[in-house]
Amino acid sequence: MKILGRFEFPETEAEADGWKPFVTRTALHATVLIVARTRIEGTWKAYCGSVPGWNHDNEMDPVLRNGDRVPEHIARACFKCFEGIPYAK
């Protein structure tokens, strides 16, 4: 595994088999989430979307699937934990 920032990313097929992305969120409002996820190639990306606001843990996946891409400068301001990891294009 290679380490970028504070996260591990696979370098071989065998390592990729057991790798799971790190997913986190920031609520801009009760009904607006920004959700970020690491990618297997050693990058990360953030998406923003509206949600019902009942349970943010359960509302992250729809934002990842259907949310709008967040520009890098906004994503980096919201997710300091990804420092040292390239932002996906």
N, C-alpha and C. Protein backbone atom coordinates (compact mmCIF):
# COMPACT_ATOMS: atom_id res chain seq x y z
N MET A 1 0.84 -1.18 0.00
CA MET A 1 0.00 0.00 0.00
C MET A 1 0.89 1.25 0.00
N LYS A 2 0.41 2.26 -0.71
CA LYS A 2 1.11 3.54 -0.65
C LYS A 2 0.30 4.47 0.24
N ILE A 3 0.98 5.35 0.93
CA ILE A 3 0.32 6.27 1.84
C ILE A 3 0.38 7.66 1.25
N LEU A 4 -0.79 8.28 1.13
CA LEU A 4 -0.91 9.67 0.71
C LEU A 4 -1.70 10.38 1.80
N GLY A 5 -1.16 11.48 2.30
CA GLY A 5 -1.82 12.13 3.43
C GLY A 5 -1.87 11.15 4.58
N ARG A 6 -3.05 10.89 5.07
CA ARG A 6 -3.20 9.91 6.16
C ARG A 6 -3.93 8.66 5.72
N PHE A 7 -4.03 8.43 4.41
CA PHE A 7 -4.80 7.31 3.88
C PHE A 7 -3.91 6.35 3.08
N GLU A 8 -4.30 5.07 3.07
CA GLU A 8 -3.61 4.05 2.30
C GLU A 8 -4.36 3.78 1.01
N PHE A 9 -3.59 3.62 -0.08
CA PHE A 9 -4.16 3.30 -1.38
C PHE A 9 -3.43 2.09 -1.94
N PRO A 10 -4.14 1.20 -2.61
CA PRO A 10 -3.51 -0.04 -3.10
C PRO A 10 -2.56 0.22 -4.26
N GLU A 11 -1.52 -0.61 -4.33
CA GLU A 11 -0.57 -0.55 -5.43
C GLU A 11 -0.60 -1.81 -6.28
N THR A 12 -1.22 -2.87 -5.77
CA THR A 12 -1.29 -4.12 -6.51
C THR A 12 -2.74 -4.59 -6.57
N GLU A 13 -3.01 -5.54 -7.45
CA GLU A 13 -4.36 -6.11 -7.55
C GLU A 13 -4.77 -6.78 -6.24
N ALA A 14 -3.84 -7.47 -5.63
CA ALA A 14 -4.15 -8.15 -4.37
C ALA A 14 -4.54 -7.15 -3.29
N GLU A 15 -3.84 -6.02 -3.21
CA GLU A 15 -4.19 -4.99 -2.23
C GLU A 15 -5.53 -4.35 -2.57
N ALA A 16 -5.82 -4.20 -3.86
CA ALA A 16 -7.07 -3.58 -4.29
C ALA A 16 -8.28 -4.41 -3.92
N ASP A 17 -8.12 -5.73 -3.85
CA ASP A 17 -9.24 -6.61 -3.52
C ASP A 17 -9.85 -6.29 -2.15
N GLY A 18 -9.03 -5.94 -1.20
CA GLY A 18 -9.54 -5.68 0.14
C GLY A 18 -9.69 -4.21 0.48
N TRP A 19 -9.37 -3.33 -0.47
CA TRP A 19 -9.40 -1.89 -0.21
C TRP A 19 -10.83 -1.36 -0.18
N LYS A 20 -11.10 -0.47 0.75
CA LYS A 20 -12.40 0.19 0.83
C LYS A 20 -12.16 1.70 0.89
N PRO A 21 -12.97 2.48 0.16
CA PRO A 21 -12.79 3.93 0.19
C PRO A 21 -13.19 4.52 1.55
N PHE A 22 -12.57 5.62 1.86
CA PHE A 22 -12.95 6.39 3.05
C PHE A 22 -14.00 7.40 2.60
N VAL A 23 -15.13 7.46 3.30
CA VAL A 23 -16.21 8.38 2.96
C VAL A 23 -16.53 9.21 4.19
N THR A 24 -16.66 10.53 3.99
CA THR A 24 -17.01 11.43 5.08
C THR A 24 -17.94 12.51 4.55
N ARG A 25 -18.54 13.25 5.45
CA ARG A 25 -19.50 14.27 5.04
C ARG A 25 -19.38 15.52 5.90
N THR A 26 -19.88 16.61 5.33
CA THR A 26 -20.03 17.87 6.04
C THR A 26 -21.42 18.40 5.71
N ALA A 27 -22.17 18.77 6.72
CA ALA A 27 -23.49 19.35 6.50
C ALA A 27 -23.36 20.86 6.39
N LEU A 28 -23.80 21.40 5.24
CA LEU A 28 -23.84 22.85 5.08
C LEU A 28 -25.12 23.41 5.68
N HIS A 29 -26.09 22.55 5.78
CA HIS A 29 -27.41 22.86 6.33
C HIS A 29 -28.04 21.51 6.67
N ALA A 30 -29.13 21.50 7.38
CA ALA A 30 -29.77 20.22 7.71
C ALA A 30 -30.15 19.45 6.45
N THR A 31 -30.40 20.17 5.36
CA THR A 31 -30.85 19.51 4.13
C THR A 31 -29.84 19.62 2.98
N VAL A 32 -28.59 19.97 3.28
CA VAL A 32 -27.55 20.06 2.24
C VAL A 32 -26.27 19.41 2.76
N LEU A 33 -25.81 18.38 2.06
CA LEU A 33 -24.58 17.69 2.43
C LEU A 33 -23.52 17.82 1.35
N ILE A 34 -22.27 17.90 1.79
CA ILE A 34 -21.13 17.68 0.90
C ILE A 34 -20.52 16.36 1.37
N VAL A 35 -20.36 15.43 0.45
CA VAL A 35 -19.83 14.11 0.78
C VAL A 35 -18.56 13.88 -0.03
N ALA A 36 -17.50 13.43 0.62
CA ALA A 36 -16.22 13.18 -0.03
C ALA A 36 -15.85 11.71 0.10
N ARG A 37 -15.15 11.21 -0.93
CA ARG A 37 -14.75 9.79 -0.94
C ARG A 37 -13.39 9.66 -1.61
N THR A 38 -12.54 8.81 -1.01
CA THR A 38 -11.27 8.50 -1.66
C THR A 38 -11.54 7.57 -2.84
N ARG A 39 -10.63 7.61 -3.80
CA ARG A 39 -10.73 6.75 -4.99
C ARG A 39 -9.51 5.82 -5.03
N ILE A 40 -9.71 4.68 -5.61
CA ILE A 40 -8.69 3.63 -5.60
C ILE A 40 -7.37 4.07 -6.22
N GLU A 41 -7.41 5.01 -7.17
CA GLU A 41 -6.18 5.44 -7.85
C GLU A 41 -5.34 6.42 -7.03
N GLY A 42 -5.81 6.78 -5.81
CA GLY A 42 -5.04 7.67 -4.95
C GLY A 42 -5.47 9.11 -5.03
N THR A 43 -6.73 9.35 -5.32
CA THR A 43 -7.29 10.70 -5.35
C THR A 43 -8.55 10.72 -4.50
N TRP A 44 -9.21 11.85 -4.48
CA TRP A 44 -10.49 11.97 -3.80
C TRP A 44 -11.35 12.98 -4.52
N LYS A 45 -12.65 12.95 -4.25
CA LYS A 45 -13.59 13.85 -4.90
C LYS A 45 -14.74 14.12 -3.94
N ALA A 46 -15.35 15.30 -4.05
CA ALA A 46 -16.49 15.67 -3.21
C ALA A 46 -17.69 16.03 -4.08
N TYR A 47 -18.86 15.73 -3.55
CA TYR A 47 -20.13 15.99 -4.23
C TYR A 47 -21.08 16.66 -3.25
N CYS A 48 -21.98 17.50 -3.77
CA CYS A 48 -22.93 18.22 -2.94
C CYS A 48 -24.34 17.93 -3.42
N GLY A 49 -25.26 17.80 -2.48
CA GLY A 49 -26.65 17.57 -2.86
C GLY A 49 -27.61 17.86 -1.72
N SER A 50 -28.86 18.04 -2.11
CA SER A 50 -29.90 18.23 -1.10
C SER A 50 -30.39 16.87 -0.61
N VAL A 51 -30.76 16.83 0.65
CA VAL A 51 -31.21 15.59 1.29
C VAL A 51 -32.43 15.92 2.15
N PRO A 52 -33.21 14.90 2.52
CA PRO A 52 -34.35 15.16 3.41
C PRO A 52 -33.94 15.71 4.78
N GLY A 53 -32.77 15.31 5.25
CA GLY A 53 -32.27 15.81 6.52
C GLY A 53 -32.69 15.00 7.74
N TRP A 54 -33.19 13.81 7.51
CA TRP A 54 -33.63 12.97 8.63
C TRP A 54 -32.48 12.19 9.25
N ASN A 55 -31.56 11.68 8.39
CA ASN A 55 -30.44 10.87 8.89
C ASN A 55 -29.28 11.00 7.91
N HIS A 56 -28.35 11.87 8.22
CA HIS A 56 -27.24 12.14 7.30
C HIS A 56 -26.40 10.90 6.99
N ASP A 57 -26.29 9.99 7.94
CA ASP A 57 -25.54 8.75 7.67
C ASP A 57 -26.15 7.98 6.51
N ASN A 58 -27.45 7.92 6.46
CA ASN A 58 -28.14 7.20 5.38
C ASN A 58 -28.27 8.01 4.10
N GLU A 59 -28.04 9.30 4.17
CA GLU A 59 -28.23 10.19 3.02
C GLU A 59 -26.96 10.45 2.23
N MET A 60 -25.83 9.89 2.68
CA MET A 60 -24.57 10.13 1.98
C MET A 60 -24.52 9.45 0.62
N ASP A 61 -24.94 8.20 0.52
CA ASP A 61 -24.86 7.46 -0.74
C ASP A 61 -25.60 8.14 -1.88
N PRO A 62 -26.82 8.62 -1.69
CA PRO A 62 -27.50 9.32 -2.79
C PRO A 62 -26.74 10.57 -3.26
N VAL A 63 -26.08 11.26 -2.33
CA VAL A 63 -25.30 12.44 -2.72
C VAL A 63 -24.09 12.01 -3.55
N LEU A 64 -23.43 10.92 -3.18
CA LEU A 64 -22.30 10.42 -3.96
C LEU A 64 -22.74 10.01 -5.36
N ARG A 65 -23.91 9.40 -5.49
CA ARG A 65 -24.40 8.93 -6.79
C ARG A 65 -24.96 10.05 -7.66
N ASN A 66 -25.67 11.00 -7.04
CA ASN A 66 -26.42 11.98 -7.83
C ASN A 66 -26.05 13.43 -7.57
N GLY A 67 -25.13 13.68 -6.65
CA GLY A 67 -24.78 15.05 -6.30
C GLY A 67 -23.95 15.74 -7.36
N ASP A 68 -23.85 17.03 -7.24
CA ASP A 68 -23.03 17.84 -8.13
C ASP A 68 -21.59 17.84 -7.66
N ARG A 69 -20.67 17.83 -8.61
CA ARG A 69 -19.24 17.88 -8.26
C ARG A 69 -18.93 19.22 -7.61
N VAL A 70 -18.12 19.15 -6.58
CA VAL A 70 -17.71 20.35 -5.84
C VAL A 70 -16.36 20.80 -6.37
N PRO A 71 -16.19 22.10 -6.68
CA PRO A 71 -14.88 22.59 -7.12
C PRO A 71 -13.82 22.32 -6.05
N GLU A 72 -12.60 22.09 -6.51
CA GLU A 72 -11.52 21.71 -5.60
C GLU A 72 -11.31 22.69 -4.46
N HIS A 73 -11.32 23.98 -4.73
CA HIS A 73 -11.03 24.95 -3.66
C HIS A 73 -12.09 24.92 -2.55
N ILE A 74 -13.32 24.63 -2.89
CA ILE A 74 -14.37 24.52 -1.88
C ILE A 74 -14.24 23.19 -1.13
N ALA A 75 -13.98 22.11 -1.87
CA ALA A 75 -13.82 20.79 -1.25
C ALA A 75 -12.66 20.79 -0.26
N ARG A 76 -11.55 21.39 -0.64
CA ARG A 76 -10.39 21.41 0.27
C ARG A 76 -10.68 22.23 1.52
N ALA A 77 -11.47 23.28 1.40
CA ALA A 77 -11.84 24.08 2.57
C ALA A 77 -12.74 23.28 3.52
N CYS A 78 -13.54 22.40 2.98
CA CYS A 78 -14.49 21.61 3.79
C CYS A 78 -13.87 20.35 4.38
N PHE A 79 -12.84 19.81 3.73
CA PHE A 79 -12.28 18.52 4.15
C PHE A 79 -10.76 18.60 4.30
N LYS A 80 -10.33 19.12 5.41
CA LYS A 80 -8.88 19.24 5.69
C LYS A 80 -8.21 17.88 5.82
N CYS A 81 -8.99 16.83 6.10
CA CYS A 81 -8.41 15.50 6.29
C CYS A 81 -7.79 14.94 5.01
N PHE A 82 -8.09 15.52 3.86
CA PHE A 82 -7.54 15.02 2.60
C PHE A 82 -6.28 15.78 2.15
N GLU A 83 -5.72 16.56 3.03
CA GLU A 83 -4.49 17.29 2.71
C GLU A 83 -3.41 16.31 2.27
N GLY A 84 -2.72 16.64 1.20
CA GLY A 84 -1.65 15.79 0.68
C GLY A 84 -2.11 14.76 -0.33
N ILE A 85 -3.42 14.75 -0.65
CA ILE A 85 -3.97 13.81 -1.63
C ILE A 85 -4.49 14.61 -2.82
N PRO A 86 -4.14 14.23 -4.04
CA PRO A 86 -4.63 14.96 -5.21
C PRO A 86 -6.15 14.90 -5.32
N TYR A 87 -6.73 15.97 -5.84
CA TYR A 87 -8.17 16.04 -6.07
C TYR A 87 -8.43 15.49 -7.48
N ALA A 88 -9.39 14.60 -7.60
CA ALA A 88 -9.69 13.99 -8.90
C ALA A 88 -10.26 15.03 -9.85
N LYS A 89 -9.92 14.89 -11.10
CA LYS A 89 -10.44 15.82 -12.13
C LYS A 89 -11.71 15.31 -12.73
